[in-house]
Amino acid sequence: MKKAVLAGCGAMAKGWVRALQEMPSLSDRIEIAGLVDVDEAVARSIAAEFGLSAETGTDLPAMLQSVEADILFDVVPPAARKPVVLAGLEQGCHVLSEKPMATSLEDAKLLISVAEETRRVHAIVQNRRFISGVRRIRRFLESGAIGQLTGLHCDFFLAPHFGGFREEMDHVLLLDMAIHTFDAARFMAGKVPLAVYAHETNPKGSWYAHGAAANAIFEFSEDVTFTYRGSWCAEGAPTSWEAAWRFTGTKGSLLWDGQEGFEARVVASEGKFLNDLKPLAVPDAPEKEKTRGHASVIQEFLAAIEEGRRPETDGVDNIKSLAMVFAAIQSAETRSRVEIR
């Protein structure tokens, strides 16, 4: 059994602990041996709530040494991520981090470099990548059912009142949440992001300090366009957390409500002003791809360690989605088209 230390014991940590405890294939292989937080009382509270016999403390390097940790789960706020991940890697731990993987591309490249130097696995919790609907759409688009993909379009409108660090962040929607959507778009389309034009606002009535709403147009490879419309202060008509999607192809279109609603139609006959359409079934995901969010990410992370390979959401892959985020932020700040490198 591998020993893990969880750093950052706020509200998000509960989802991680719950995922580890509720899936036998994880609880039988990973022991949470240490809990670290800037406020040790918070760490002790998590231990008590979930019945953990873990050590608690505020000194991460000391904790990693004390419990002889194999794995570090990084659930700290983004601003604290770099030193936490570096501490884990330098202590010989494999590291699974919350998103975003870093607050700059330079820091992200550094973390990738150190992970490679230490030969440790470093992956990011892009749990939306492991949602069954996302896997299902990837397979459907790859099948050519609606022809060649020409565009994908996403609406994300919610109004969460988090409190805490998010409400004080700059670029809160793009930096803290949009990476989920951008990563899913890149994965489902199977294309390379090339450039973006973005516009960012903080609408009247927003309870965030900055950037609660954004619109972006991405240029993907093979002339595919991805458009994003989002807000974290849009009361009254919420989408799902996975957004609402439209995929257009040369033969038809697919709609996904971000939950269980899939609707596909393709051209049935041609030659009319508006061609006749016919519905098309969207096959269910294979049983092995009916995934469970956080638990599936952790499972893939652990399998990659055991098999000596890169996990699907390791830093080398994830930096491509992070680059989309920072290019969108740069575009919003400069009001110009920005190439993604």
Protein backbone atom coordinates (compact mmCIF):
# COMPACT_ATOMS: atom_id res chain seq x y z
CA MET A 1 0.00 0.00 0.00
CA LYS A 2 1.29 3.45 -0.93
CA LYS A 3 1.40 6.22 1.67
CA ALA A 4 0.02 9.62 0.69
CA VAL A 5 0.13 13.09 2.18
CA LEU A 6 -2.69 15.49 1.32
CA ALA A 7 -1.67 19.17 1.36
CA GLY A 8 -4.46 21.76 1.58
CA CYS A 9 -7.36 20.65 3.76
CA GLY A 10 -10.06 23.10 2.70
CA ALA A 11 -13.47 22.23 1.27
CA MET A 12 -12.09 20.69 -1.94
CA ALA A 13 -10.01 18.19 0.03
CA LYS A 14 -13.19 16.48 1.17
CA GLY A 15 -13.98 15.41 -2.39
CA TRP A 16 -10.54 13.85 -2.71
CA VAL A 17 -10.82 11.93 0.57
CA ARG A 18 -14.33 10.80 -0.29
CA ALA A 19 -13.17 9.50 -3.68
CA LEU A 20 -10.33 7.57 -2.05
CA GLN A 21 -12.58 6.02 0.58
CA GLU A 22 -15.55 5.13 -1.59
CA MET A 23 -13.72 3.19 -4.33
CA PRO A 24 -12.27 -0.09 -3.03
CA SER A 25 -9.67 -0.22 -5.81
CA LEU A 26 -8.22 2.98 -4.30
CA SER A 27 -8.82 2.52 -0.58
CA ASP A 28 -7.05 -0.84 -0.71
CA ARG A 29 -3.97 0.67 -2.37
CA ILE A 30 -3.53 4.15 -0.88
CA GLU A 31 -3.35 5.20 2.76
CA ILE A 32 -3.66 8.88 3.68
CA ALA A 33 -0.83 8.97 6.18
CA GLY A 34 -0.50 12.75 6.56
CA LEU A 35 -2.62 15.88 6.33
CA VAL A 36 -0.97 19.31 5.98
CA ASP A 37 -2.54 22.76 6.10
CA VAL A 38 -1.42 26.26 7.10
CA ASP A 39 -4.00 25.87 9.88
CA GLU A 40 -3.41 22.53 11.59
CA ALA A 41 -6.86 22.67 13.17
CA VAL A 42 -8.35 22.38 9.67
CA ALA A 43 -6.22 19.29 9.01
CA ARG A 44 -7.34 17.75 12.30
CA SER A 45 -10.96 18.48 11.39
CA ILE A 46 -10.64 16.57 8.11
CA ALA A 47 -9.03 13.64 9.92
CA ALA A 48 -11.87 13.54 12.47
CA GLU A 49 -14.64 13.90 9.88
CA PHE A 50 -13.41 10.99 7.77
CA GLY A 51 -12.04 8.78 10.53
CA LEU A 52 -8.43 9.07 9.37
CA SER A 53 -5.54 8.06 11.62
CA ALA A 54 -3.22 10.38 9.68
CA GLU A 55 -0.59 12.65 11.21
CA THR A 56 -1.42 16.35 10.92
CA GLY A 57 0.84 19.38 10.67
CA THR A 58 1.83 22.59 8.89
CA ASP A 59 5.33 21.66 7.61
CA LEU A 60 5.00 19.78 4.31
CA PRO A 61 8.64 18.63 3.81
CA ALA A 62 8.79 17.42 7.42
CA MET A 63 5.51 15.53 7.00
CA LEU A 64 6.63 13.88 3.76
CA GLN A 65 9.77 12.64 5.53
CA SER A 66 7.96 11.65 8.73
CA VAL A 67 5.45 9.32 7.05
CA GLU A 68 7.83 8.23 4.26
CA ALA A 69 5.30 9.33 1.66
CA ASP A 70 5.12 7.85 -1.83
CA ILE A 71 2.46 10.26 -3.10
CA LEU A 72 1.56 13.90 -2.58
CA PHE A 73 -1.99 15.07 -3.23
CA ASP A 74 -1.82 18.83 -3.82
CA VAL A 75 -5.12 20.59 -3.06
CA VAL A 76 -3.72 24.01 -2.14
CA PRO A 77 -4.86 27.32 -3.74
CA PRO A 78 -3.14 28.04 -7.08
CA ALA A 79 -0.84 30.73 -5.66
CA ALA A 80 0.74 28.18 -3.30
CA ARG A 81 1.06 25.36 -5.86
CA LYS A 82 4.63 25.79 -7.12
CA PRO A 83 6.51 25.33 -3.79
CA VAL A 84 4.17 22.51 -2.75
CA VAL A 85 4.70 20.51 -5.95
CA LEU A 86 8.45 21.14 -5.86
CA ALA A 87 8.60 19.94 -2.25
CA GLY A 88 6.81 16.74 -3.20
CA LEU A 89 8.97 16.01 -6.23
CA GLU A 90 12.21 16.81 -4.38
CA GLN A 91 11.19 14.42 -1.60
CA GLY A 92 10.74 11.66 -4.21
CA CYS A 93 6.93 11.69 -4.28
CA HIS A 94 4.67 11.28 -7.25
CA VAL A 95 2.38 14.33 -7.31
CA LEU A 96 -1.27 14.75 -8.30
CA SER A 97 -2.32 18.42 -8.28
CA GLU A 98 -5.53 20.35 -8.43
CA LYS A 99 -5.86 22.61 -11.46
CA PRO A 100 -4.46 24.89 -12.69
CA MET A 101 -1.07 23.18 -12.66
CA ALA A 102 0.65 26.57 -12.24
CA THR A 103 -0.05 30.29 -12.26
CA SER A 104 2.27 30.89 -15.23
CA LEU A 105 3.59 28.91 -18.18
CA GLU A 106 7.12 29.44 -16.90
CA ASP A 107 6.24 27.77 -13.59
CA ALA A 108 4.44 24.97 -15.43
CA LYS A 109 7.54 24.30 -17.53
CA LEU A 110 9.67 24.26 -14.38
CA LEU A 111 7.42 21.69 -12.71
CA ILE A 112 7.52 19.49 -15.81
CA SER A 113 11.30 19.75 -15.89
CA VAL A 114 11.71 18.81 -12.22
CA ALA A 115 9.28 15.88 -12.59
CA GLU A 116 11.36 14.57 -15.47
CA GLU A 117 14.63 15.09 -13.59
CA THR A 118 13.31 13.24 -10.53
CA ARG A 119 11.55 10.61 -12.67
CA ARG A 120 8.32 11.13 -10.78
CA VAL A 121 4.80 11.18 -12.15
CA HIS A 122 3.25 14.65 -12.04
CA ALA A 123 -0.39 14.85 -13.11
CA ILE A 124 -3.30 17.28 -12.86
CA VAL A 125 -6.89 16.63 -11.77
CA GLN A 126 -8.70 17.38 -15.02
CA ASN A 127 -11.67 15.39 -13.80
CA ARG A 128 -13.95 16.61 -16.61
CA ARG A 129 -11.72 14.66 -19.00
CA PHE A 130 -12.96 11.54 -17.21
CA ILE A 131 -16.68 12.26 -17.44
CA SER A 132 -18.48 9.56 -19.44
CA GLY A 133 -20.17 12.10 -21.71
CA VAL A 134 -16.83 13.58 -22.74
CA ARG A 135 -15.41 10.14 -23.56
CA ARG A 136 -18.63 9.28 -25.40
CA ILE A 137 -18.45 12.40 -27.57
CA ARG A 138 -14.78 11.86 -28.40
CA ARG A 139 -15.60 8.38 -29.75
CA PHE A 140 -18.68 9.66 -31.61
CA LEU A 141 -16.75 12.44 -33.37
CA GLU A 142 -13.89 10.07 -34.21
CA SER A 143 -16.36 7.72 -35.87
CA GLY A 144 -17.18 10.38 -38.49
CA ALA A 145 -20.90 10.12 -37.70
CA ILE A 146 -21.44 13.85 -38.38
CA GLY A 147 -18.68 14.04 -40.97
CA GLN A 148 -15.56 16.12 -40.47
CA LEU A 149 -15.71 18.35 -37.43
CA THR A 150 -15.86 22.04 -38.33
CA GLY A 151 -16.75 23.67 -35.02
CA LEU A 152 -17.57 23.17 -31.35
CA HIS A 153 -19.39 25.76 -29.29
CA CYS A 154 -19.86 25.94 -25.55
CA ASP A 155 -22.06 27.89 -23.12
CA PHE A 156 -21.16 27.92 -19.43
CA PHE A 157 -23.43 29.99 -17.19
CA LEU A 158 -23.58 29.52 -13.42
CA ALA A 159 -23.67 31.70 -10.29
CA PRO A 160 -21.72 29.98 -7.50
CA HIS A 161 -21.03 31.92 -4.30
CA PHE A 162 -17.77 30.31 -3.21
CA GLY A 163 -16.40 32.85 -0.82
CA GLY A 164 -12.68 32.54 -0.11
CA PHE A 165 -9.79 33.04 -2.51
CA ARG A 166 -11.79 32.74 -5.75
CA GLU A 167 -13.72 35.91 -5.07
CA GLU A 168 -10.45 37.83 -4.79
CA MET A 169 -8.71 36.38 -7.88
CA ASP A 170 -7.90 38.19 -11.09
CA HIS A 171 -9.27 36.47 -14.21
CA VAL A 172 -11.26 34.14 -11.94
CA LEU A 173 -13.36 32.44 -14.63
CA LEU A 174 -10.58 31.94 -17.15
CA LEU A 175 -7.91 30.94 -14.65
CA ASP A 176 -9.86 28.86 -12.15
CA MET A 177 -12.66 27.22 -14.16
CA ALA A 178 -12.30 27.60 -17.92
CA ILE A 179 -9.34 25.22 -18.04
CA HIS A 180 -11.81 22.36 -17.44
CA THR A 181 -13.83 23.41 -20.46
CA PHE A 182 -10.80 24.17 -22.62
CA ASP A 183 -9.23 20.82 -21.78
CA ALA A 184 -12.46 18.99 -22.59
CA ALA A 185 -12.77 20.85 -25.89
CA ARG A 186 -9.22 20.00 -26.89
CA PHE A 187 -9.75 16.36 -25.94
CA MET A 188 -13.16 15.91 -27.61
CA ALA A 189 -12.09 17.65 -30.82
CA GLY A 190 -8.73 15.90 -30.97
CA LYS A 191 -7.24 19.09 -32.43
CA VAL A 192 -4.37 21.43 -31.58
CA PRO A 193 -5.19 24.96 -30.30
CA LEU A 194 -3.42 27.57 -32.46
CA ALA A 195 -4.73 31.03 -31.54
CA VAL A 196 -7.42 32.87 -29.57
CA TYR A 197 -9.28 36.17 -29.36
CA ALA A 198 -10.91 36.73 -25.97
CA HIS A 199 -12.99 39.43 -24.26
CA GLU A 200 -13.32 39.48 -20.46
CA THR A 201 -15.64 41.46 -18.19
CA ASN A 202 -16.78 41.69 -14.59
CA PRO A 203 -20.53 42.33 -15.02
CA LYS A 204 -22.64 44.58 -12.84
CA GLY A 205 -23.75 42.71 -9.75
CA SER A 206 -20.72 40.42 -9.79
CA TRP A 207 -19.51 39.34 -6.35
CA TYR A 208 -16.06 38.55 -7.76
CA ALA A 209 -13.19 41.04 -7.80
CA HIS A 210 -12.29 40.53 -11.46
CA GLY A 211 -13.09 38.63 -14.65
CA ALA A 212 -16.26 36.73 -13.76
CA ALA A 213 -17.36 36.53 -17.42
CA ALA A 214 -15.53 35.87 -20.67
CA ASN A 215 -16.06 35.12 -24.35
CA ALA A 216 -13.38 33.50 -26.51
CA ILE A 217 -12.90 32.33 -30.09
CA PHE A 218 -10.20 29.70 -30.52
CA GLU A 219 -8.63 28.61 -33.78
CA PHE A 220 -7.91 24.88 -33.75
CA SER A 221 -5.94 22.87 -36.28
CA GLU A 222 -7.67 21.67 -39.47
CA ASP A 223 -9.79 24.86 -39.63
CA VAL A 224 -11.89 23.90 -36.61
CA THR A 225 -13.31 26.77 -34.52
CA PHE A 226 -14.06 26.53 -30.80
CA THR A 227 -16.16 29.27 -29.21
CA TYR A 228 -16.65 29.75 -25.48
CA ARG A 229 -19.23 31.91 -23.70
CA GLY A 230 -19.10 31.84 -19.93
CA SER A 231 -20.06 33.57 -16.70
CA TRP A 232 -19.78 32.78 -13.02
CA CYS A 233 -22.30 35.45 -12.01
CA ALA A 234 -25.23 34.56 -14.30
CA GLU A 235 -28.30 34.02 -12.14
CA GLY A 236 -31.56 32.55 -13.41
CA ALA A 237 -30.80 30.01 -16.16
CA PRO A 238 -27.88 27.81 -15.16
CA THR A 239 -26.18 25.35 -17.46
CA SER A 240 -24.66 22.20 -15.99
CA TRP A 241 -21.14 22.39 -14.59
CA GLU A 242 -20.03 20.62 -17.77
CA ALA A 243 -21.60 23.42 -19.91
CA ALA A 244 -23.95 23.06 -22.90
CA TRP A 245 -22.34 22.10 -26.21
CA ARG A 246 -22.95 22.13 -29.97
CA PHE A 247 -20.67 20.23 -32.34
CA THR A 248 -21.00 20.91 -36.08
CA GLY A 249 -19.73 18.67 -38.83
CA THR A 250 -19.90 18.41 -42.61
CA LYS A 251 -22.84 15.97 -42.39
CA GLY A 252 -24.73 17.08 -39.28
CA SER A 253 -24.61 18.29 -35.68
CA LEU A 254 -24.54 17.00 -32.13
CA LEU A 255 -26.00 18.75 -29.07
CA TRP A 256 -25.03 17.85 -25.50
CA ASP A 257 -26.54 19.46 -22.43
CA GLY A 258 -23.56 18.51 -20.26
CA GLN A 259 -25.58 15.82 -18.50
CA GLU A 260 -27.54 12.94 -20.06
CA GLY A 261 -29.06 14.80 -23.01
CA PHE A 262 -27.53 13.89 -26.40
CA GLU A 263 -29.20 14.86 -29.68
CA ALA A 264 -27.62 14.22 -33.08
CA ARG A 265 -29.05 14.81 -36.56
CA VAL A 266 -27.49 14.32 -39.97
CA VAL A 267 -28.57 15.16 -43.52
CA ALA A 268 -31.03 12.57 -44.85
CA SER A 269 -31.38 13.95 -48.38
CA GLU A 270 -29.85 16.85 -50.24
CA GLY A 271 -30.94 19.33 -52.87
CA LYS A 272 -33.45 21.37 -50.88
CA PHE A 273 -33.29 24.90 -49.50
CA LEU A 274 -33.16 23.27 -46.06
CA ASN A 275 -32.15 19.63 -46.35
CA ASP A 276 -34.13 16.88 -44.67
CA LEU A 277 -32.57 15.60 -41.46
CA LYS A 278 -32.69 12.30 -39.63
CA PRO A 279 -31.87 11.57 -35.98
CA LEU A 280 -28.77 9.61 -35.15
CA ALA A 281 -28.13 7.58 -32.00
CA VAL A 282 -25.10 8.51 -29.94
CA PRO A 283 -23.66 5.20 -28.68
CA ASP A 284 -23.16 4.84 -24.95
CA ALA A 285 -19.62 4.83 -23.59
CA PRO A 286 -18.00 1.41 -23.18
CA GLU A 287 -18.27 0.07 -19.64
CA LYS A 288 -14.56 0.69 -19.00
CA GLU A 289 -15.06 4.38 -19.88
CA LYS A 290 -18.04 4.96 -17.58
CA THR A 291 -15.96 7.01 -15.26
CA ARG A 292 -16.24 8.65 -11.84
CA GLY A 293 -14.53 12.03 -12.02
CA HIS A 294 -11.95 12.47 -9.24
CA ALA A 295 -11.80 8.75 -8.49
CA SER A 296 -11.07 7.94 -12.13
CA VAL A 297 -8.28 10.54 -12.28
CA ILE A 298 -6.68 9.09 -9.15
CA GLN A 299 -7.09 5.57 -10.51
CA GLU A 300 -5.36 6.53 -13.78
CA PHE A 301 -2.61 8.31 -11.81
CA LEU A 302 -1.98 5.24 -9.66
CA ALA A 303 -2.02 2.89 -12.67
CA ALA A 304 0.55 5.08 -14.44
CA ILE A 305 2.86 4.90 -11.40
CA GLU A 306 2.53 1.13 -11.23
CA GLU A 307 2.99 0.64 -14.97
CA GLY A 308 5.84 3.12 -15.38
CA ARG A 309 4.09 5.35 -17.93
CA ARG A 310 2.67 8.84 -18.25
CA PRO A 311 -0.95 9.29 -17.06
CA GLU A 312 -3.44 10.83 -19.45
CA THR A 313 -3.44 14.18 -17.65
CA ASP A 314 0.24 14.52 -16.85
CA GLY A 315 1.93 17.90 -16.99
CA VAL A 316 3.31 17.43 -20.50
CA ASP A 317 -0.23 17.12 -21.82
CA ASN A 318 -1.92 19.53 -19.44
CA ILE A 319 0.35 22.46 -20.24
CA LYS A 320 -1.37 22.58 -23.65
CA SER A 321 -4.69 23.37 -21.96
CA LEU A 322 -2.99 25.80 -19.59
CA ALA A 323 -1.50 27.56 -22.61
CA MET A 324 -5.06 28.10 -23.89
CA VAL A 325 -5.95 29.79 -20.59
CA PHE A 326 -2.97 32.15 -20.53
CA ALA A 327 -3.35 33.00 -24.21
CA ALA A 328 -7.00 33.90 -23.56
CA ILE A 329 -5.99 36.08 -20.59
CA GLN A 330 -3.31 37.81 -22.68
CA SER A 331 -5.81 38.38 -25.47
CA ALA A 332 -8.36 39.85 -23.04
CA GLU A 333 -5.74 42.17 -21.56
CA THR A 334 -4.35 43.33 -24.92
CA ARG A 335 -7.61 43.13 -26.89
CA SER A 336 -5.78 41.29 -29.65
CA ARG A 337 -5.50 37.89 -31.30
CA VAL A 338 -2.87 35.79 -29.53
CA GLU A 339 -1.12 32.76 -30.95
CA ILE A 340 -0.82 29.71 -28.67
CA ARG A 341 2.67 28.29 -28.48
